[in-house]
C-alpha atoms as a PDB file:
ATOM      1  CA  MET A   1     -79.350  30.404  30.241  1.00  0.00           C
ATOM      2  CA  THR A   2     -75.640  29.781  30.488  1.00  0.00           C
ATOM      3  CA  ASP A   3     -73.594  31.294  33.298  1.00  0.00           C
ATOM      4  CA  TRP A   4     -71.207  33.249  31.107  1.00  0.00           C
ATOM      5  CA  VAL A   5     -69.306  34.682  34.048  1.00  0.00           C
ATOM      6  CA  GLN A   6     -68.422  31.117  34.979  1.00  0.00           C
ATOM      7  CA  VAL A   7     -67.454  30.371  31.383  1.00  0.00           C
ATOM      8  CA  ARG A   8     -65.020  33.268  31.495  1.00  0.00           C
ATOM      9  CA  GLU A   9     -63.602  32.092  34.813  1.00  0.00           C
ATOM     10  CA  ASN A  10     -63.171  28.601  33.335  1.00  0.00           C
ATOM     11  CA  GLY A  11     -60.947  29.933  30.578  1.00  0.00           C
ATOM     12  CA  TYR A  12     -63.772  30.076  28.019  1.00  0.00           C
ATOM     13  CA  ALA A  13     -64.204  26.313  27.886  1.00  0.00           C
ATOM     14  CA  VAL A  14     -67.309  25.449  25.837  1.00  0.00           C
ATOM     15  CA  PRO A  15     -70.170  24.612  28.244  1.00  0.00           C
ATOM     16  CA  GLU A  16     -71.583  21.126  27.993  1.00  0.00           C
ATOM     17  CA  GLY A  17     -75.221  20.254  27.495  1.00  0.00           C
ATOM     18  CA  ARG A  18     -76.141  22.768  24.799  1.00  0.00           C
ATOM     19  CA  PRO A  19     -75.371  22.849  21.055  1.00  0.00           C
ATOM     20  CA  VAL A  20     -72.667  25.325  20.045  1.00  0.00           C
ATOM     21  CA  ARG A  21     -75.083  26.972  17.599  1.00  0.00           C
ATOM     22  CA  GLU A  22     -77.458  27.684  20.487  1.00  0.00           C
ATOM     23  CA  LEU A  23     -74.681  29.074  22.650  1.00  0.00           C
ATOM     24  CA  VAL A  24     -73.486  31.337  19.844  1.00  0.00           C
ATOM     25  CA  ALA A  25     -77.010  32.629  19.258  1.00  0.00           C
ATOM     26  CA  GLU A  26     -77.224  33.605  22.917  1.00  0.00           C
ATOM     27  CA  LEU A  27     -73.868  35.374  22.759  1.00  0.00           C
ATOM     28  CA  VAL A  28     -74.894  37.247  19.609  1.00  0.00           C
ATOM     29  CA  GLY A  29     -77.951  38.524  21.444  1.00  0.00           C
ATOM     30  CA  MET A  30     -75.785  39.640  24.355  1.00  0.00           C
ATOM     31  CA  LEU A  31     -73.514  41.511  21.944  1.00  0.00           C
ATOM     32  CA  ARG A  32     -76.193  44.219  21.682  1.00  0.00           C
ATOM     33  CA  SER A  33     -76.418  44.719  25.440  1.00  0.00           C
ATOM     34  CA  PRO A  34     -75.945  48.251  26.819  1.00  0.00           C
ATOM     35  CA  ASP A  35     -74.255  46.618  29.821  1.00  0.00           C
ATOM     36  CA  PRO A  36     -70.505  46.566  29.048  1.00  0.00           C
ATOM     37  CA  GLY A  37     -70.018  43.662  31.421  1.00  0.00           C
ATOM     38  CA  VAL A  38     -72.401  41.548  29.372  1.00  0.00           C
ATOM     39  CA  ARG A  39     -71.456  42.839  25.924  1.00  0.00           C
ATOM     40  CA  ASP A  40     -67.689  43.210  26.199  1.00  0.00           C
ATOM     41  CA  ARG A  41     -66.419  41.021  29.023  1.00  0.00           C
ATOM     42  CA  GLN A  42     -68.786  38.125  28.337  1.00  0.00           C
ATOM     43  CA  ALA A  43     -70.198  38.071  24.795  1.00  0.00           C
ATOM     44  CA  TYR A  44     -67.335  39.592  22.821  1.00  0.00           C
ATOM     45  CA  SER A  45     -64.500  37.984  24.747  1.00  0.00           C
ATOM     46  CA  THR A  46     -66.125  34.546  24.545  1.00  0.00           C
ATOM     47  CA  LEU A  47     -66.920  34.735  20.840  1.00  0.00           C
ATOM     48  CA  ALA A  48     -63.484  36.088  19.946  1.00  0.00           C
ATOM     49  CA  THR A  49     -61.787  33.359  21.973  1.00  0.00           C
ATOM     50  CA  TRP A  50     -63.878  30.589  20.450  1.00  0.00           C
ATOM     51  CA  ILE A  51     -63.246  31.874  16.937  1.00  0.00           C
ATOM     52  CA  ASP A  52     -59.510  32.011  17.591  1.00  0.00           C
ATOM     53  CA  ARG A  53     -59.540  28.468  19.013  1.00  0.00           C
ATOM     54  CA  GLY A  54     -61.455  27.047  16.067  1.00  0.00           C
ATOM     55  CA  VAL A  55     -64.559  26.132  18.045  1.00  0.00           C
ATOM     56  CA  LEU A  56     -66.766  27.294  15.152  1.00  0.00           C
ATOM     57  CA  SER A  57     -66.555  25.673  11.725  1.00  0.00           C
ATOM     58  CA  GLY A  58     -66.184  27.640   8.505  1.00  0.00           C
ATOM     59  CA  PRO A  59     -69.902  27.502   7.689  1.00  0.00           C
ATOM     60  CA  GLU A  60     -70.729  28.538  11.254  1.00  0.00           C
ATOM     61  CA  LEU A  61     -68.376  31.510  11.017  1.00  0.00           C
ATOM     62  CA  ARG A  62     -69.930  32.525   7.712  1.00  0.00           C
ATOM     63  CA  GLU A  63     -73.404  32.292   9.224  1.00  0.00           C
ATOM     64  CA  LEU A  64     -72.250  34.363  12.195  1.00  0.00           C
ATOM     65  CA  GLY A  65     -70.850  37.064   9.922  1.00  0.00           C
ATOM     66  CA  ASP A  66     -73.963  37.129   7.765  1.00  0.00           C
ATOM     67  CA  GLY A  67     -76.093  37.550  10.857  1.00  0.00           C
ATOM     68  CA  LEU A  68     -74.039  40.411  12.262  1.00  0.00           C
ATOM     69  CA  VAL A  69     -73.609  42.559   9.155  1.00  0.00           C
ATOM     70  CA  PRO A  70     -77.177  43.992   9.295  1.00  0.00           C
ATOM     71  CA  ARG A  71     -76.297  45.442  12.696  1.00  0.00           C
ATOM     72  CA  PHE A  72     -74.199  48.094  10.997  1.00  0.00           C
ATOM     73  CA  ALA A  73     -77.592  49.809  10.643  1.00  0.00           C
ATOM     74  CA  ASP A  74     -78.725  49.069  14.202  1.00  0.00           C
ATOM     75  CA  PRO A  75     -80.145  52.085  16.093  1.00  0.00           C
ATOM     76  CA  GLU A  76     -77.991  51.266  19.136  1.00  0.00           C
ATOM     77  CA  ILE A  77     -74.403  52.511  18.989  1.00  0.00           C
ATOM     78  CA  GLN A  78     -72.965  49.655  21.046  1.00  0.00           C
ATOM     79  CA  ALA A  79     -74.596  47.127  18.716  1.00  0.00           C
ATOM     80  CA  ARG A  80     -73.028  48.764  15.659  1.00  0.00           C
ATOM     81  CA  THR A  81     -69.525  49.133  17.017  1.00  0.00           C
ATOM     82  CA  PHE A  82     -69.059  45.534  18.122  1.00  0.00           C
ATOM     83  CA  VAL A  83     -69.836  44.112  14.689  1.00  0.00           C
ATOM     84  CA  PRO A  84     -66.405  44.967  13.194  1.00  0.00           C
ATOM     85  CA  LEU A  85     -64.610  43.363  16.124  1.00  0.00           C
ATOM     86  CA  ILE A  86     -66.264  39.995  15.517  1.00  0.00           C
ATOM     87  CA  LEU A  87     -65.908  40.294  11.747  1.00  0.00           C
ATOM     88  CA  ASP A  88     -62.212  41.019  12.268  1.00  0.00           C
ATOM     89  CA  SER A  89     -61.902  37.750  14.205  1.00  0.00           C
ATOM     90  CA  ILE A  90     -63.809  35.859  11.510  1.00  0.00           C
ATOM     91  CA  VAL A  91     -61.733  37.254   8.634  1.00  0.00           C
ATOM     92  CA  THR A  92     -58.521  36.638  10.558  1.00  0.00           C
ATOM     93  CA  ALA A  93     -59.674  33.033  11.058  1.00  0.00           C
ATOM     94  CA  GLY A  94     -59.860  32.643   7.271  1.00  0.00           C
ATOM     95  CA  VAL A  95     -63.536  33.158   6.442  1.00  0.00           C
ATOM     96  CA  PHE A  96     -64.505  36.033   4.187  1.00  0.00           C
ATOM     97  CA  GLU A  97     -67.561  37.084   2.213  1.00  0.00           C
ATOM     98  CA  PRO A  98     -67.324  39.974  -0.299  1.00  0.00           C
ATOM     99  CA  GLY A  99     -70.855  41.022   0.634  1.00  0.00           C
ATOM    100  CA  TRP A 100     -69.671  42.038   4.092  1.00  0.00           C
ATOM    101  CA  VAL A 101     -67.460  44.825   2.743  1.00  0.00           C
ATOM    102  CA  PRO A 102     -69.941  47.416   1.346  1.00  0.00           C
ATOM    103  CA  PRO A 103     -72.091  47.585   4.534  1.00  0.00           C
ATOM    104  CA  PHE A 104     -68.916  48.010   6.564  1.00  0.00           C
ATOM    105  CA  GLU A 105     -67.653  50.785   4.301  1.00  0.00           C
ATOM    106  CA  ARG A 106     -70.957  52.659   4.476  1.00  0.00           C
ATOM    107  CA  TRP A 107     -71.057  52.406   8.253  1.00  0.00           C
ATOM    108  CA  TYR A 108     -67.415  53.304   8.848  1.00  0.00           C
ATOM    109  CA  VAL A 109     -67.532  56.559   6.908  1.00  0.00           C
ATOM    110  CA  GLY A 110     -71.058  57.424   7.980  1.00  0.00           C
ATOM    111  CA  GLU A 111     -70.901  56.683  11.718  1.00  0.00           C
ATOM    112  CA  ARG A 112     -71.392  59.919  13.654  1.00  0.00           C
ATOM    113  CA  ASP A 113     -71.001  58.691  17.214  1.00  0.00           C
ATOM    114  CA  LEU A 114     -67.232  58.442  17.579  1.00  0.00           C
ATOM    115  CA  ARG A 115     -67.043  58.328  21.352  1.00  0.00           C
ATOM    116  CA  GLY A 116     -64.344  56.032  22.617  1.00  0.00           C
ATOM    117  CA  TYR A 117     -65.576  55.342  26.125  1.00  0.00           C
ATOM    118  CA  ASP A 118     -68.928  56.109  27.721  1.00  0.00           C
ATOM    119  CA  GLU A 119     -69.434  55.934  31.483  1.00  0.00           C
ATOM    120  CA  LYS A 120     -72.623  53.877  31.144  1.00  0.00           C
ATOM    121  CA  LEU A 121     -72.102  51.964  27.902  1.00  0.00           C
ATOM    122  CA  GLY A 122     -68.395  51.278  28.329  1.00  0.00           C
ATOM    123  CA  TRP A 123     -66.170  50.994  25.259  1.00  0.00           C
ATOM    124  CA  LEU A 124     -67.831  51.979  21.989  1.00  0.00           C
ATOM    125  CA  HIS A 125     -64.760  52.943  19.951  1.00  0.00           C
ATOM    126  CA  ALA A 126     -66.268  53.047  16.460  1.00  0.00           C
ATOM    127  CA  VAL A 127     -63.094  54.346  14.800  1.00  0.00           C
ATOM    128  CA  ALA A 128     -60.772  51.906  16.564  1.00  0.00           C
ATOM    129  CA  HIS A 129     -63.008  48.854  16.169  1.00  0.00           C
ATOM    130  CA  GLY A 130     -63.605  49.693  12.525  1.00  0.00           C
ATOM    131  CA  ALA A 131     -59.874  50.147  12.032  1.00  0.00           C
ATOM    132  CA  ASP A 132     -59.255  46.592  13.231  1.00  0.00           C
ATOM    133  CA  LEU A 133     -61.554  45.232  10.532  1.00  0.00           C
ATOM    134  CA  LEU A 134     -60.137  47.625   7.935  1.00  0.00           C
ATOM    135  CA  GLY A 135     -56.663  46.269   8.630  1.00  0.00           C
ATOM    136  CA  ALA A 136     -57.813  42.662   8.389  1.00  0.00           C
ATOM    137  CA  LEU A 137     -59.578  43.336   5.090  1.00  0.00           C
ATOM    138  CA  GLY A 138     -56.651  45.357   3.813  1.00  0.00           C
ATOM    139  CA  GLN A 139     -54.421  42.301   4.178  1.00  0.00           C
ATOM    140  CA  HIS A 140     -56.921  39.891   2.610  1.00  0.00           C
ATOM    141  CA  ALA A 141     -56.058  38.754  -0.904  1.00  0.00           C
ATOM    142  CA  ALA A 142     -59.680  39.067  -2.064  1.00  0.00           C
ATOM    143  CA  VAL A 143     -59.880  42.759  -1.128  1.00  0.00           C
ATOM    144  CA  GLU A 144     -58.285  45.566  -3.112  1.00  0.00           C
ATOM    145  CA  PRO A 145     -55.866  47.243  -0.667  1.00  0.00           C
ATOM    146  CA  VAL A 146     -56.374  50.679  -2.235  1.00  0.00           C
ATOM    147  CA  GLN A 147     -60.062  50.346  -1.418  1.00  0.00           C
ATOM    148  CA  MET A 148     -59.221  50.089   2.283  1.00  0.00           C
ATOM    149  CA  LEU A 149     -56.675  52.904   2.146  1.00  0.00           C
ATOM    150  CA  ARG A 150     -59.305  55.174   0.619  1.00  0.00           C
ATOM    151  CA  LEU A 151     -61.793  54.070   3.244  1.00  0.00           C
ATOM    152  CA  GLY A 152     -59.369  55.046   5.989  1.00  0.00           C
ATOM    153  CA  ILE A 153     -58.723  58.500   4.589  1.00  0.00           C
ATOM    154  CA  GLY A 154     -62.453  58.912   3.972  1.00  0.00           C
ATOM    155  CA  ARG A 155     -63.157  58.221   7.638  1.00  0.00           C
ATOM    156  CA  LEU A 156     -60.527  60.712   8.703  1.00  0.00           C
ATOM    157  CA  LEU A 157     -61.804  63.480   6.443  1.00  0.00           C
ATOM    158  CA  THR A 158     -65.489  63.098   7.316  1.00  0.00           C
ATOM    159  CA  PRO A 159     -66.518  66.124   9.400  1.00  0.00           C
ATOM    160  CA  THR A 160     -66.936  65.378  13.096  1.00  0.00           C
ATOM    161  CA  PRO A 161     -67.008  67.303  16.384  1.00  0.00           C
ATOM    162  CA  TYR A 162     -64.990  64.538  18.010  1.00  0.00           C
ATOM    163  CA  VAL A 163     -61.227  64.750  18.549  1.00  0.00           C
ATOM    164  CA  PHE A 164     -59.582  61.368  19.067  1.00  0.00           C
ATOM    165  CA  ARG A 165     -58.745  60.784  22.728  1.00  0.00           C
ATOM    166  CA  ASP A 166     -58.622  56.997  23.194  1.00  0.00           C
ATOM    167  CA  MET A 167     -55.777  56.032  20.828  1.00  0.00           C
ATOM    168  CA  GLU A 168     -58.010  55.831  17.775  1.00  0.00           C
ATOM    169  CA  ASP A 169     -55.196  57.396  15.753  1.00  0.00           C
ATOM    170  CA  ASP A 170     -52.870  54.546  16.755  1.00  0.00           C
ATOM    171  CA  ARG A 171     -55.384  51.858  15.782  1.00  0.00           C
ATOM    172  CA  LEU A 172     -56.226  53.423  12.424  1.00  0.00           C
ATOM    173  CA  GLY A 173     -52.598  54.251  11.703  1.00  0.00           C
ATOM    174  CA  TYR A 174     -51.695  50.609  12.334  1.00  0.00           C
ATOM    175  CA  ALA A 175     -54.503  49.374  10.081  1.00  0.00           C
ATOM    176  CA  LEU A 176     -53.322  51.595   7.238  1.00  0.00           C
ATOM    177  CA  ALA A 177     -49.742  50.457   7.762  1.00  0.00           C
ATOM    178  CA  ALA A 178     -50.795  46.800   7.723  1.00  0.00           C
ATOM    179  CA  THR A 179     -52.630  47.367   4.457  1.00  0.00           C
ATOM    180  CA  LEU A 180     -49.568  49.051   3.004  1.00  0.00           C
ATOM    181  CA  THR A 181     -47.513  45.890   3.550  1.00  0.00           C
ATOM    182  CA  ARG A 182     -49.327  44.347   0.578  1.00  0.00           C
ATOM    183  CA  ALA A 183     -46.744  43.449  -2.045  1.00  0.00           C
ATOM    184  CA  ASP A 184     -49.184  44.036  -4.920  1.00  0.00           C
ATOM    185  CA  LEU A 185     -49.390  47.790  -4.304  1.00  0.00           C
ATOM    186  CA  THR A 186     -47.777  49.902  -7.007  1.00  0.00           C
ATOM    187  CA  GLY A 187     -45.853  53.095  -6.352  1.00  0.00           C
ATOM    188  CA  ASP A 188     -48.870  55.180  -7.271  1.00  0.00           C
ATOM    189  CA  ASP A 189     -51.100  53.042  -5.056  1.00  0.00           C
ATOM    190  CA  VAL A 190     -48.898  53.784  -2.060  1.00  0.00           C
ATOM    191  CA  THR A 191     -49.127  57.549  -2.497  1.00  0.00           C
ATOM    192  CA  ASP A 192     -52.248  58.541  -4.456  1.00  0.00           C
ATOM    193  CA  TRP A 193     -54.720  57.656  -1.692  1.00  0.00           C
ATOM    194  CA  LEU A 194     -53.236  60.579   0.258  1.00  0.00           C
ATOM    195  CA  ASP A 195     -54.297  63.124  -2.372  1.00  0.00           C
ATOM    196  CA  PRO A 196     -57.557  64.033  -0.570  1.00  0.00           C
ATOM    197  CA  ALA A 197     -55.573  64.812   2.578  1.00  0.00           C
ATOM    198  CA  LEU A 198     -53.222  66.996   0.553  1.00  0.00           C
ATOM    199  CA  ARG A 199     -56.146  68.954  -0.865  1.00  0.00           C
ATOM    200  CA  VAL A 200     -57.795  69.459   2.521  1.00  0.00           C
ATOM    201  CA  LEU A 201     -54.641  70.600   4.269  1.00  0.00           C
ATOM    202  CA  SER A 202     -53.808  72.910   1.355  1.00  0.00           C
ATOM    203  CA  ASN A 203     -57.154  74.680   1.806  1.00  0.00           C
ATOM    204  CA  PRO A 204     -57.666  75.013   5.568  1.00  0.00           C
ATOM    205  CA  PRO A 205     -61.174  75.984   6.687  1.00  0.00           C
ATOM    206  CA  ALA A 206     -61.704  79.593   7.688  1.00  0.00           C
ATOM    207  CA  GLU A 207     -62.935  78.574  11.137  1.00  0.00           C
ATOM    208  CA  GLY A 208     -59.520  77.202  12.055  1.00  0.00           C
ATOM    209  CA  ILE A 209     -58.307  73.715  12.815  1.00  0.00           C
ATOM    210  CA  THR A 210     -61.271  71.350  12.744  1.00  0.00           C
ATOM    211  CA  PRO A 211     -61.415  68.071  14.710  1.00  0.00           C
ATOM    212  CA  GLU A 212     -61.126  65.989  11.557  1.00  0.00           C
ATOM    213  CA  VAL A 213     -57.948  67.828  10.531  1.00  0.00           C
ATOM    214  CA  THR A 214     -56.464  67.187  13.967  1.00  0.00           C
ATOM    215  CA  ASN A 215     -57.420  63.513  13.727  1.00  0.00           C
ATOM    216  CA  LEU A 216     -55.988  63.280  10.215  1.00  0.00           C
ATOM    217  CA  VAL A 217     -52.614  64.765  11.108  1.00  0.00           C
ATOM    218  CA  ARG A 218     -52.229  62.660  14.231  1.00  0.00           C
ATOM    219  CA  THR A 219     -53.066  59.461  12.363  1.00  0.00           C
ATOM    220  CA  LEU A 220     -50.676  60.213   9.512  1.00  0.00           C
ATOM    221  CA  ARG A 221     -47.918  60.850  12.036  1.00  0.00           C
ATOM    222  CA  VAL A 222     -48.555  57.388  13.483  1.00  0.00           C
ATOM    223  CA  LEU A 223     -48.402  55.928   9.989  1.00  0.00           C
ATOM    224  CA  TYR A 224     -45.076  57.668   9.376  1.00  0.00           C
ATOM    225  CA  VAL A 225     -43.607  55.957  12.438  1.00  0.00           C
ATOM    226  CA  PHE A 226     -44.732  52.549  11.167  1.00  0.00           C
ATOM    227  CA  ALA A 227     -43.347  53.344   7.722  1.00  0.00           C
ATOM    228  CA  ASP A 228     -40.023  54.286   9.274  1.00  0.00           C
ATOM    229  CA  HIS A 229     -39.704  51.393  11.736  1.00  0.00           C
ATOM    230  CA  GLY A 230     -41.954  48.624  10.438  1.00  0.00           C
ATOM    231  CA  LEU A 231     -44.755  46.924  12.332  1.00  0.00           C
ATOM    232  CA  ARG A 232     -45.606  43.602  13.908  1.00  0.00           C
ATOM    233  CA  ILE A 233     -48.484  41.806  12.219  1.00  0.00           C
ATOM    234  CA  GLY A 234     -50.364  39.048  13.983  1.00  0.00           C
ATOM    235  CA  SER A 235     -48.097  36.844  16.052  1.00  0.00           C
ATOM    236  CA  ALA A 236     -44.969  37.842  14.121  1.00  0.00           C
ATOM    237  CA  LYS A 237     -42.051  38.544  16.430  1.00  0.00           C
ATOM    238  CA  LYS A 238     -40.020  40.388  13.827  1.00  0.00           C
ATOM    239  CA  LEU A 239     -40.917  43.746  12.366  1.00  0.00           C
ATOM    240  CA  THR A 240     -42.597  43.656   8.969  1.00  0.00           C
ATOM    241  CA  PRO A 241     -41.396  46.460   6.698  1.00  0.00           C
ATOM    242  CA  ILE A 242     -43.642  48.380   4.349  1.00  0.00           C
ATOM    243  CA  PRO A 243     -42.242  47.493   0.891  1.00  0.00           C
ATOM    244  CA  ARG A 244     -42.274  51.044  -0.525  1.00  0.00           C
ATOM    245  CA  ARG A 245     -41.489  52.726   2.745  1.00  0.00           C
ATOM    246  CA  GLU A 246     -39.246  55.510   1.425  1.00  0.00           C
ATOM    247  CA  GLN A 247     -41.785  56.535  -1.191  1.00  0.00           C
ATOM    248  CA  LEU A 248     -44.555  56.506   1.430  1.00  0.00           C
ATOM    249  CA  LYS A 249     -42.484  58.488   3.938  1.00  0.00           C
ATOM    250  CA  ALA A 250     -41.679  61.133   1.349  1.00  0.00           C
ATOM    251  CA  ARG A 251     -45.339  61.545   0.455  1.00  0.00           C
ATOM    252  CA  LEU A 252     -46.429  61.653   4.097  1.00  0.00           C
ATOM    253  CA  ALA A 253     -43.813  64.309   4.768  1.00  0.00           C
ATOM    254  CA  ASP A 254     -45.124  66.360   1.852  1.00  0.00           C
ATOM    255  CA  VAL A 255     -48.646  66.167   3.240  1.00  0.00           C
ATOM    256  CA  LEU A 256     -47.722  66.888   6.851  1.00  0.00           C
ATOM    257  CA  ARG A 257     -45.386  69.732   5.934  1.00  0.00           C
ATOM    258  CA  ILE A 258     -48.356  71.720   4.642  1.00  0.00           C
ATOM    259  CA  PHE A 259     -49.919  71.703   8.064  1.00  0.00           C
ATOM    260  CA  THR A 260     -46.717  71.993  10.081  1.00  0.00           C
ATOM    261  CA  PRO A 261     -43.938  73.600   8.008  1.00  0.00           C
ATOM    262  CA  TYR A 262     -41.272  72.472  10.493  1.00  0.00           C
ATOM    263  CA  TRP A 263     -42.122  68.803   9.793  1.00  0.00           C
ATOM    264  CA  LEU A 264     -39.000  67.073   8.439  1.00  0.00           C
END
């Protein structure tokens, strides 16, 4: 077994004496660990760093992604929620398989355990981790951006007892904003995905403000800020504007005004 603590202390240099494929297989196994020190600070951080540095070839990245996708159905929450983080790194590195998208979509909308941080398991962060992958896919030329926008609103409108508390709204708002920078979006594309939110807020539940409505409004407010000011994508130092920002802002204001009449 490799001393992964030492690997981290050595700046994630690839250990000598073992094939990279073997090292990756060990890290993938550790990525299911309920110990956050093993899963997050060793397995995830090492894999993400190696992917970013180009340690793994294209075929190796594709094999890694193919091997992780079935974990979206894993019975362990920490195993499920770390899949999108690695897939985000893989897609960002330039490797993409269309077959990865449907399992991700099913998991993201269907995941019920939305805890951000657990005292024993550490960071789980299903909404935030999924948002990172959503944003990466939303910017990928082979993925329809509207598909990711609808996925984001679908996640927000799925009933849940959980109110965001660990900046999930920021992460998902950013992912939606990044997707909306796609130049191939039409005017209708930029606004129509918000129709489900408009319908929900126009017909508030009798029991009062539900957690998903709170999460929805907070996330759309974050998106409005990005639409107004732009966002930084990747290593870009300058702000990237959303091409149809005024149209998006007007529609967001229409939606939010239903819930809070004093909005804009």
